[in-house]
Protein backbone atom coordinates (compact mmCIF):
# COMPACT_ATOMS: atom_id res chain seq x y z
CA MET A 1 13.55 -25.46 37.75
CA LYS A 2 13.09 -28.93 39.26
CA GLN A 3 14.82 -31.64 37.20
CA GLU A 4 13.63 -35.18 37.10
CA GLN A 5 16.04 -37.99 37.94
CA THR A 6 15.67 -41.74 37.64
CA TYR A 7 16.24 -43.43 40.97
CA PRO A 8 18.57 -46.43 40.76
CA ASP A 9 17.81 -50.08 41.57
CA ILE A 10 19.21 -50.71 45.04
CA LYS A 11 21.19 -53.74 45.82
CA MET A 12 23.41 -54.90 48.67
CA PHE A 13 27.16 -55.46 48.14
CA ILE A 14 28.53 -58.72 49.58
CA ASP A 15 31.84 -60.35 48.71
CA GLY A 16 32.42 -58.00 45.81
CA THR A 17 29.00 -58.61 44.15
CA TRP A 18 25.78 -56.54 44.09
CA CYS A 19 22.86 -58.70 45.22
CA ASP A 20 19.29 -58.77 46.56
CA GLY A 21 18.32 -60.12 49.94
CA SER A 22 18.15 -63.97 49.87
CA ARG A 23 14.61 -64.03 51.31
CA GLY A 24 13.22 -61.29 49.06
CA LYS A 25 12.20 -58.89 51.87
CA SER A 26 12.44 -55.13 51.11
CA GLU A 27 10.92 -51.79 52.00
CA ALA A 28 9.99 -48.67 50.12
CA VAL A 29 12.26 -45.67 49.77
CA LEU A 30 10.34 -42.34 49.84
CA ASN A 31 11.17 -38.99 48.21
CA PRO A 32 10.64 -36.65 51.21
CA ALA A 33 9.67 -33.84 48.88
CA THR A 34 6.59 -35.71 47.70
CA GLY A 35 6.06 -38.49 50.25
CA LEU A 36 5.87 -40.95 47.38
CA ALA A 37 7.85 -44.17 46.88
CA ILE A 38 10.73 -43.90 44.44
CA GLY A 39 12.31 -47.38 44.89
CA ASN A 40 12.83 -50.27 47.22
CA VAL A 41 15.75 -51.27 49.42
CA PRO A 42 16.48 -55.01 50.09
CA HIS A 43 16.76 -56.43 53.60
CA ALA A 44 19.54 -58.76 54.57
CA SER A 45 18.69 -62.13 56.07
CA VAL A 46 20.81 -63.89 58.62
CA GLU A 47 22.20 -65.91 55.75
CA ASP A 48 23.21 -62.74 53.94
CA LEU A 49 24.91 -61.42 57.08
CA ASP A 50 26.80 -64.65 57.41
CA ARG A 51 28.10 -64.34 53.85
CA ALA A 52 29.17 -60.77 54.56
CA LEU A 53 30.93 -61.92 57.72
CA ASP A 54 32.71 -64.75 56.01
CA SER A 55 33.63 -62.43 53.16
CA ALA A 56 34.97 -59.77 55.57
CA TRP A 57 37.08 -62.33 57.42
CA ARG A 58 38.62 -63.61 54.18
CA GLY A 59 39.12 -60.00 53.10
CA PHE A 60 40.93 -59.29 56.32
CA GLY A 61 43.46 -62.00 55.61
CA ALA A 62 44.47 -60.35 52.37
CA TRP A 63 43.95 -56.61 53.12
CA ARG A 64 45.95 -56.58 56.35
CA LYS A 65 48.93 -57.81 54.24
CA THR A 66 48.41 -55.10 51.65
CA SER A 67 51.01 -52.41 52.02
CA ALA A 68 50.05 -49.03 53.35
CA PHE A 69 51.25 -47.48 50.08
CA ASP A 70 49.01 -49.66 48.01
CA ARG A 71 46.07 -48.96 50.23
CA TYR A 72 46.76 -45.23 49.80
CA LYS A 73 46.84 -45.54 46.00
CA LEU A 74 43.51 -47.44 45.83
CA MET A 75 41.82 -45.00 48.16
CA ARG A 76 42.98 -41.98 46.17
CA MET A 77 41.48 -43.62 43.16
CA ALA A 78 38.16 -44.12 44.99
CA GLY A 79 38.20 -40.43 45.90
CA GLU A 80 38.63 -39.35 42.37
CA LYS A 81 35.73 -41.51 41.13
CA LEU A 82 33.57 -39.94 43.79
CA ARG A 83 34.50 -36.50 42.48
CA GLU A 84 33.87 -37.47 38.82
CA ARG A 85 30.32 -38.62 39.75
CA ALA A 86 29.56 -35.79 42.20
CA GLY A 87 26.76 -34.31 40.10
CA GLU A 88 24.98 -37.61 39.49
CA ILE A 89 25.37 -38.76 43.10
CA ALA A 90 24.20 -35.43 44.47
CA ARG A 91 20.85 -35.69 42.55
CA ILE A 92 20.32 -39.16 43.93
CA LEU A 93 21.11 -37.93 47.42
CA THR A 94 18.65 -35.05 47.16
CA LEU A 95 15.88 -37.38 45.76
CA GLU A 96 16.08 -39.69 48.77
CA GLN A 97 17.20 -37.32 51.56
CA GLY A 98 15.65 -34.00 50.47
CA LYS A 99 18.50 -31.52 51.11
CA PRO A 100 19.09 -28.82 48.50
CA LEU A 101 21.18 -29.99 45.55
CA ALA A 102 24.06 -27.57 46.27
CA GLU A 103 24.30 -29.01 49.83
CA ALA A 104 24.21 -32.61 48.44
CA LYS A 105 26.98 -31.87 45.95
CA LEU A 106 29.17 -30.34 48.77
CA GLU A 107 28.60 -33.51 50.83
CA VAL A 108 29.83 -35.74 48.00
CA LEU A 109 32.91 -33.57 47.32
CA LEU A 110 33.76 -33.44 51.04
CA GLY A 111 33.37 -37.19 51.06
CA ALA A 112 36.15 -37.37 48.41
CA ASP A 113 38.32 -35.08 50.56
CA ILE A 114 37.83 -37.37 53.50
CA ILE A 115 38.88 -40.37 51.46
CA ASP A 116 42.06 -38.49 50.41
CA TRP A 117 42.88 -37.54 53.96
CA PHE A 118 42.61 -41.03 55.33
CA ALA A 119 44.49 -42.36 52.34
CA GLU A 120 47.40 -40.18 53.40
CA GLU A 121 47.01 -41.38 57.01
CA ALA A 122 47.31 -45.01 55.78
CA ARG A 123 50.97 -44.24 55.17
CA ARG A 124 51.45 -42.71 58.65
CA SER A 125 50.52 -45.45 61.05
CA TYR A 126 53.85 -45.10 62.68
CA GLY A 127 55.22 -47.31 65.54
CA ARG A 128 58.18 -46.32 67.65
CA VAL A 129 61.40 -47.64 69.25
CA ILE A 130 61.58 -47.45 73.07
CA PRO A 131 65.11 -47.10 74.50
CA SER A 132 65.82 -50.21 76.49
CA ARG A 133 67.65 -50.75 79.67
CA SER A 134 69.97 -53.24 78.06
CA GLY A 135 72.06 -52.95 74.94
CA ALA A 136 71.06 -56.50 74.06
CA VAL A 137 67.35 -55.75 74.12
CA GLN A 138 65.33 -53.97 71.40
CA GLN A 139 61.87 -52.63 72.32
CA ILE A 140 59.50 -51.64 69.53
CA VAL A 141 55.83 -50.67 69.20
CA ILE A 142 53.90 -51.48 66.07
CA LYS A 143 50.34 -50.82 64.98
CA GLU A 144 48.14 -53.56 63.57
CA PRO A 145 44.56 -53.44 62.19
CA VAL A 146 42.03 -54.50 64.76
CA GLY A 147 40.01 -56.65 62.36
CA PRO A 148 36.60 -56.67 60.72
CA VAL A 149 34.41 -53.63 61.54
CA ALA A 150 30.66 -53.40 61.79
CA ALA A 151 29.65 -49.85 60.95
CA PHE A 152 26.20 -48.28 61.32
CA THR A 153 25.43 -45.00 59.59
CA PRO A 154 22.44 -42.61 59.52
CA TRP A 155 20.23 -41.05 56.86
CA ASN A 156 21.01 -37.36 57.42
CA PHE A 157 24.41 -37.47 55.76
CA PRO A 158 24.54 -40.78 53.97
CA ILE A 159 27.81 -40.08 52.24
CA ASN A 160 29.81 -38.16 54.91
CA GLN A 161 28.85 -40.35 57.86
CA ALA A 162 29.63 -43.55 56.00
CA VAL A 163 32.78 -42.33 54.33
CA ARG A 164 34.43 -41.55 57.68
CA LYS A 165 33.92 -45.01 58.99
CA ILE A 166 34.82 -46.81 55.70
CA SER A 167 37.91 -44.76 55.04
CA ALA A 168 39.47 -44.92 58.47
CA ALA A 169 38.96 -48.63 58.65
CA ILE A 170 40.24 -49.38 55.23
CA ALA A 171 43.26 -47.11 55.70
CA ALA A 172 44.14 -49.04 58.84
CA GLY A 173 43.81 -52.36 57.08
CA CYS A 174 40.40 -53.42 58.41
CA PRO A 175 37.47 -54.76 56.27
CA VAL A 176 34.06 -53.23 56.85
CA ILE A 177 30.47 -54.36 56.91
CA LEU A 178 28.45 -51.29 56.59
CA LYS A 179 24.69 -51.22 57.67
CA GLY A 180 23.52 -48.39 55.48
CA PRO A 181 20.47 -46.25 56.06
CA GLU A 182 17.23 -47.61 54.60
CA GLU A 183 15.88 -44.13 53.98
CA THR A 184 18.85 -43.14 51.95
CA PRO A 185 20.40 -46.27 50.42
CA ALA A 186 21.37 -45.20 46.90
CA SER A 187 23.78 -42.46 47.75
CA CYS A 188 25.43 -44.79 50.27
CA ALA A 189 25.64 -47.52 47.56
CA ALA A 190 27.24 -45.05 45.19
CA LEU A 191 30.03 -44.46 47.74
CA VAL A 192 30.56 -48.18 47.94
CA GLN A 193 30.59 -48.37 44.07
CA ALA A 194 33.38 -45.83 43.94
CA TYR A 195 35.48 -48.00 46.18
CA ALA A 196 34.63 -51.12 44.24
CA ASP A 197 35.47 -49.45 40.91
CA ALA A 198 38.77 -48.38 42.36
CA GLY A 199 39.75 -52.05 42.70
CA LEU A 200 39.03 -52.86 46.31
CA PRO A 201 39.36 -56.60 46.79
CA PRO A 202 36.17 -58.65 47.50
CA GLY A 203 35.26 -58.78 51.17
CA VAL A 204 37.03 -55.60 52.17
CA LEU A 205 33.83 -53.57 51.95
CA ASN A 206 30.31 -54.99 52.28
CA LEU A 207 27.04 -53.11 52.33
CA VAL A 208 23.87 -54.42 53.87
CA PHE A 209 20.43 -53.01 54.78
CA GLY A 210 17.68 -54.36 56.98
CA VAL A 211 15.87 -53.92 60.32
CA PRO A 212 18.39 -51.95 62.33
CA ALA A 213 17.89 -53.79 65.68
CA GLU A 214 18.12 -57.20 64.02
CA VAL A 215 21.27 -56.36 61.94
CA SER A 216 23.09 -54.67 64.78
CA SER A 217 22.37 -57.38 67.42
CA TYR A 218 23.59 -60.04 65.06
CA LEU A 219 26.74 -58.33 63.88
CA ILE A 220 27.87 -56.80 67.12
CA ALA A 221 27.68 -60.10 69.00
CA HIS A 222 29.31 -62.09 66.26
CA PRO A 223 32.90 -63.26 67.16
CA LEU A 224 34.40 -62.26 63.76
CA ILE A 225 33.51 -58.57 64.38
CA ARG A 226 36.28 -56.85 66.34
CA LYS A 227 35.21 -53.16 66.19
CA ILE A 228 31.89 -51.27 66.06
CA SER A 229 31.32 -47.72 64.90
CA PHE A 230 27.85 -46.15 65.33
CA THR A 231 26.31 -42.82 64.46
CA GLY A 232 22.78 -42.17 65.74
CA SER A 233 20.64 -41.37 68.76
CA THR A 234 21.97 -41.48 72.35
CA GLN A 235 19.21 -43.98 73.31
CA VAL A 236 20.15 -46.53 70.66
CA GLY A 237 23.82 -45.87 71.07
CA LYS A 238 23.77 -46.75 74.74
CA GLN A 239 22.02 -50.07 73.89
CA LEU A 240 24.65 -50.91 71.25
CA ALA A 241 27.51 -49.87 73.48
CA ALA A 242 26.22 -52.12 76.25
CA LEU A 243 25.94 -55.03 73.86
CA ALA A 244 29.47 -54.36 72.55
CA GLY A 245 30.82 -54.11 76.02
CA SER A 246 29.37 -57.48 76.93
CA HIS A 247 31.48 -58.91 74.17
CA MET A 248 34.55 -56.80 74.81
CA LYS A 249 34.35 -55.09 71.46
CA ARG A 250 36.04 -51.77 70.76
CA VAL A 251 33.47 -49.02 69.99
CA THR A 252 33.29 -45.54 68.56
CA MET A 253 30.03 -43.75 69.40
CA GLU A 254 28.96 -40.54 67.71
CA LEU A 255 25.63 -39.79 69.35
CA GLY A 256 23.07 -36.99 69.77
CA GLY A 257 23.66 -33.45 70.82
CA HIS A 258 21.88 -30.23 71.86
CA ALA A 259 24.53 -27.68 70.92
CA PRO A 260 24.54 -24.35 72.86
CA ALA A 261 25.30 -21.16 70.82
CA LEU A 262 26.48 -18.37 73.08
CA VAL A 263 26.26 -14.85 71.78
CA PHE A 264 27.94 -12.20 74.07
CA GLY A 265 27.20 -8.52 74.20
CA ASP A 266 30.36 -7.53 72.38
CA ALA A 267 29.65 -9.84 69.40
CA ASP A 268 28.96 -8.69 65.85
CA VAL A 269 25.24 -9.36 66.28
CA LYS A 270 24.16 -9.23 62.66
CA GLU A 271 27.04 -11.46 61.47
CA SER A 272 26.53 -13.99 64.30
CA ALA A 273 22.80 -14.18 63.55
CA ARG A 274 23.58 -14.73 59.81
CA LEU A 275 26.12 -17.45 60.42
CA LEU A 276 24.13 -19.18 63.19
CA SER A 277 20.88 -19.25 61.17
CA ALA A 278 22.67 -20.63 58.15
CA ALA A 279 24.13 -23.36 60.39
CA LYS A 280 20.79 -24.00 62.09
CA PHE A 281 18.71 -24.43 59.03
CA ARG A 282 21.26 -26.41 57.02
CA ASN A 283 19.75 -29.79 56.04
CA ALA A 284 16.52 -28.59 57.68
CA GLY A 285 18.17 -28.75 61.08
CA GLN A 286 18.84 -32.53 60.77
CA VAL A 287 22.52 -32.18 61.71
CA CYS A 288 24.06 -33.64 64.82
CA VAL A 289 26.28 -30.59 65.37
CA SER A 290 23.53 -28.11 64.51
CA PRO A 291 23.32 -25.18 66.99
CA THR A 292 20.11 -25.87 68.81
CA ARG A 293 19.98 -23.73 71.94
CA PHE A 294 20.63 -20.05 71.33
CA ILE A 295 21.80 -18.26 74.50
CA VAL A 296 22.13 -14.57 73.92
CA HIS A 297 23.23 -11.75 76.24
CA LYS A 298 20.31 -9.68 77.34
CA SER A 299 21.98 -6.42 75.94
CA VAL A 300 21.80 -7.72 72.40
CA TYR A 301 18.96 -10.17 72.76
CA GLU A 302 16.14 -8.40 70.84
CA GLU A 303 18.59 -7.30 68.16
CA PHE A 304 19.77 -10.83 67.64
CA VAL A 305 16.25 -12.26 67.63
CA ASP A 306 15.14 -9.73 65.02
CA HIS A 307 18.10 -10.62 62.67
CA PHE A 308 17.70 -14.31 63.24
CA THR A 309 13.94 -14.22 62.71
CA SER A 310 14.33 -12.22 59.55
CA ALA A 311 16.77 -14.84 58.16
CA ALA A 312 14.41 -17.63 58.98
CA LYS A 313 11.41 -15.82 57.37
CA ASN A 314 13.37 -15.23 54.16
CA LEU A 315 14.48 -18.82 53.69
CA VAL A 316 13.03 -20.39 50.53
CA VAL A 317 11.74 -23.85 51.40
CA GLY A 318 11.02 -26.35 48.67
CA ASP A 319 12.11 -29.42 46.72
CA GLY A 320 15.88 -29.83 46.90
CA LEU A 321 16.08 -30.27 43.14
CA ASP A 322 14.63 -26.71 42.58
CA ALA A 323 17.55 -24.37 42.25
CA ALA A 324 15.72 -21.73 44.24
CA SER A 325 15.34 -23.88 47.31
CA GLN A 326 17.47 -22.98 50.35
CA MET A 327 15.98 -25.58 52.67
CA GLY A 328 14.42 -28.88 51.76
CA PRO A 329 11.96 -31.19 53.50
CA LEU A 330 12.39 -33.22 56.64
CA ALA A 331 13.38 -36.81 56.08
CA ASN A 332 10.00 -38.48 56.96
CA HIS A 333 6.61 -37.94 58.49
CA ARG A 334 7.94 -38.85 61.94
CA ARG A 335 10.09 -35.66 61.91
CA ILE A 336 7.01 -33.58 61.08
CA GLU A 337 5.13 -35.03 64.05
CA ALA A 338 8.12 -34.39 66.31
CA MET A 339 8.36 -30.73 65.24
CA GLU A 340 4.67 -30.15 65.80
CA ALA A 341 4.97 -31.73 69.24
CA PHE A 342 7.94 -29.52 70.18
CA VAL A 343 6.10 -26.38 69.17
CA ALA A 344 2.87 -27.32 70.86
CA ASP A 345 4.70 -28.13 74.09
CA ALA A 346 6.63 -24.84 73.99
CA ILE A 347 3.45 -22.77 73.44
CA SER A 348 1.63 -24.62 76.24
CA ARG A 349 4.39 -23.60 78.63
CA GLY A 350 4.36 -19.87 77.63
CA GLY A 351 6.69 -19.93 74.67
CA ARG A 352 6.23 -17.46 71.81
CA VAL A 353 6.44 -18.34 68.14
CA ARG A 354 8.28 -15.44 66.40
CA THR A 355 7.98 -17.14 62.97
CA GLY A 356 7.13 -20.50 61.58
CA GLY A 357 5.80 -23.31 63.70
CA LYS A 358 3.69 -25.22 61.22
CA ARG A 359 3.93 -27.83 58.47
CA ILE A 360 4.02 -26.43 54.94
CA GLY A 361 1.29 -27.96 52.71
CA ASN A 362 0.21 -31.57 52.74
CA GLU A 363 2.59 -33.01 50.11
CA GLY A 364 5.99 -34.08 51.27
CA PHE A 365 7.53 -33.42 54.68
CA PHE A 366 8.08 -29.62 54.69
CA PHE A 367 8.17 -27.60 57.85
CA GLU A 368 8.59 -23.89 58.37
CA PRO A 369 11.89 -22.53 59.71
CA THR A 370 10.80 -21.71 63.24
CA VAL A 371 11.95 -19.29 65.96
CA LEU A 372 10.80 -19.57 69.54
CA THR A 373 11.31 -17.15 72.44
CA ASP A 374 10.24 -17.01 76.02
CA VAL A 375 10.54 -20.81 76.27
CA PRO A 376 11.09 -22.09 79.83
CA LEU A 377 13.76 -24.57 80.73
CA ASN A 378 11.28 -27.33 81.34
CA ALA A 379 9.97 -27.25 77.80
CA ARG A 380 10.93 -30.33 75.74
CA ILE A 381 12.73 -28.24 73.11
CA MET A 382 15.13 -27.01 75.80
CA ASN A 383 16.02 -30.58 76.85
CA GLU A 384 15.60 -32.94 73.85
CA GLU A 385 17.54 -32.69 70.59
CA PRO A 386 15.10 -31.20 68.08
CA PHE A 387 16.80 -32.52 64.92
CA GLY A 388 14.73 -30.13 62.88
CA PRO A 389 14.32 -26.49 61.93
CA ILE A 390 13.32 -25.07 65.31
CA ALA A 391 15.48 -22.49 67.12
CA PRO A 392 14.69 -21.58 70.74
CA ILE A 393 16.41 -18.33 71.76
CA SER A 394 16.89 -17.34 75.43
CA ALA A 395 18.68 -14.64 77.30
CA PHE A 396 21.56 -14.58 79.91
CA SER A 397 23.02 -11.93 82.15
CA ASP A 398 26.60 -12.95 82.88
CA LEU A 399 29.32 -15.41 81.85
CA ASP A 400 28.81 -17.84 84.64
CA GLU A 401 25.10 -18.10 83.83
CA ALA A 402 25.84 -18.67 80.13
CA ILE A 403 28.34 -21.50 80.90
CA ALA A 404 26.03 -23.07 83.35
CA GLU A 405 23.23 -23.23 80.82
CA ALA A 406 25.58 -24.50 78.08
CA ASN A 407 26.54 -27.39 80.47
CA ARG A 408 23.07 -28.09 81.89
CA LEU A 409 22.22 -30.99 79.72
CA PRO A 410 23.94 -34.44 79.60
CA PHE A 411 24.95 -33.88 75.93
CA GLY A 412 28.40 -32.73 74.99
CA LEU A 413 28.96 -32.92 71.17
CA ALA A 414 29.41 -29.33 69.85
CA ALA A 415 29.20 -25.78 71.13
CA TYR A 416 29.46 -22.37 69.53
CA ALA A 417 30.21 -18.90 70.78
CA TYR A 418 30.53 -15.32 69.42
CA THR A 419 32.61 -12.74 71.29
CA LYS A 420 35.52 -10.35 70.75
CA SER A 421 36.86 -10.85 74.29
CA ALA A 422 40.01 -12.92 74.69
CA SER A 423 39.18 -13.51 78.33
CA VAL A 424 35.74 -14.72 77.51
CA ILE A 425 37.07 -17.00 74.80
CA GLY A 426 39.50 -18.51 77.31
CA ALA A 427 36.74 -19.04 79.88
CA ILE A 428 34.30 -20.72 77.47
CA SER A 429 36.92 -22.80 75.80
CA THR A 430 37.89 -24.47 79.06
CA GLY A 431 34.55 -24.19 80.84
CA THR A 432 32.17 -25.58 78.19
CA GLU A 433 31.71 -29.35 78.31
CA SER A 434 31.78 -30.43 74.67
CA GLY A 435 33.92 -32.48 72.38
CA MET A 436 34.11 -29.69 69.83
CA MET A 437 33.86 -25.90 70.09
CA SER A 438 33.78 -23.33 67.32
CA VAL A 439 34.30 -19.56 68.20
CA ASN A 440 33.40 -16.69 65.85
CA HIS A 441 32.97 -19.02 62.88
CA HIS A 442 31.82 -22.53 62.03
CA GLY A 443 34.84 -24.80 61.50
CA LEU A 444 33.76 -28.26 62.60
CA ALA A 445 33.88 -31.59 60.66
CA LEU A 446 36.98 -30.96 58.54
CA PRO A 447 38.74 -34.24 57.60
CA GLU A 448 41.83 -33.35 59.48
CA THR A 449 40.22 -32.30 62.78
CA PRO A 450 38.80 -34.52 65.59
CA PHE A 451 35.04 -35.17 65.37
CA GLY A 452 33.25 -36.55 68.39
CA GLY A 453 31.61 -35.78 71.72
CA ILE A 454 31.70 -36.39 75.40
CA LYS A 455 29.14 -37.30 78.08
CA ASP A 456 25.93 -38.67 76.48
CA SER A 457 27.06 -37.58 73.08
CA GLY A 458 29.39 -40.57 72.88
CA TYR A 459 33.16 -41.19 72.80
CA GLY A 460 35.94 -41.58 70.29
CA SER A 461 36.62 -39.54 67.18
CA GLU A 462 35.73 -39.96 63.54
CA GLY A 463 38.07 -37.28 62.28
CA GLY A 464 41.79 -36.40 62.51
CA VAL A 465 44.52 -38.70 63.54
CA GLU A 466 42.46 -39.73 66.53
CA ALA A 467 40.02 -41.50 64.18
CA MET A 468 42.68 -43.91 63.06
CA GLU A 469 43.61 -45.07 66.53
CA ALA A 470 40.24 -46.76 67.06
CA TYR A 471 40.98 -49.19 64.15
CA LEU A 472 44.50 -50.07 65.23
CA ASN A 473 45.88 -52.36 67.90
CA THR A 474 49.10 -51.41 69.65
CA LYS A 475 51.53 -54.23 69.97
CA PHE A 476 54.63 -54.09 72.08
CA ILE A 477 57.53 -56.35 71.11
CA THR A 478 60.67 -56.79 73.16
CA GLN A 479 63.49 -58.94 71.88
CA MET A 480 66.94 -59.84 72.93
CA ASN A 481 69.40 -59.64 69.98
CA SER A 482 72.21 -61.62 71.61
CA SER A 483 72.64 -63.99 74.50
CA PRO A 484 73.01 -62.42 77.85
CA THR A 485 76.48 -62.69 79.40
């Protein structure tokens, strides 16, 4: 049964205080299951951004001097508070984002795990001693926090995208100004509240909302910001990276993808269809690492299509607060229009709809889980990231053809493959151009593993030890301990 939930009053968090925008501007937050407004999110003015910048700079002065052990203890406390509130936060997340409640709760709990992991890494930002060429000289390398960070996070995973940026920065000793998503502000604010309640000093974490282009252009160009982290579309990411480059700012970019999923003739077809369909329709396909191009060996093609289509047909689509729902709505009406355009274009080029292809009802933003076959390579769905519940399935004949199709697009975020052959695994592991690859299971986005792409999917990592490096400067110090003779 669907359960009602009161939506919280949204504020920004600047200099340790929750506040409205100084000019009173705001926009409505919609429940994607109904399309109706459930609240309002304030917009930051330039004056608000300046307050956040001043606060972050002051926070940097104190936080960089806080010991790694003390940062670790505070972060672990924030993680526990997030766990304690997981049920409450999950309902808020589902209200504003739409995903099924079980998925929302898993996102909150994984967020707590990510905080814990980076808390531990706070204690492991090791330097090193370099053997010198003179007994009188000592050569050491130390790691220092890079400085205030401007972080921009999307609506599809409002906890897990934000928590990676916040936790890596804070663990390294850097304050953060987080530009949260206007579509899903309350769950993002709940994450910030957990950190605040754990005792994070004022200025170390600030949360603002507003017109994305206005906030990003102001923060990235500002001299107090030393590092930028962005998750979003490739188009916007390139613009922000260019702006950051013009100011010599360090950048981490986690951008769009169009992940190939290769299924070879020796794979367990039924199991691969089960796992890939679950991954595809998770969060209604609104996942940057979602498998989006299914490339199946011709010997098992029809069998795979049948299993995958059956899984799509049997998915229960509905309000995420309904316990029976397995897939919720899309985030907004723009996504509905995008899905309809993809399907219409594919059909116009000879594509076949095996199941789905249409909006569900006229209340909320629901779209049928959709399977397409016979889609030519010049169709939009084969070249543009769908970011929705549409799965185009095509056939291949040999290994070289499969790898060539996997690498055809300029994206390189994630890739998947199913095979029992060790030689094929070796070939695709080295031959596929992607930042991450998962073979015979789905094991991406764990806190301890790298998370990032190559080519037009961005650069840098938001997971594993690699994530910490982006928030640390390397300083070399050479000193003579006695006068030379």
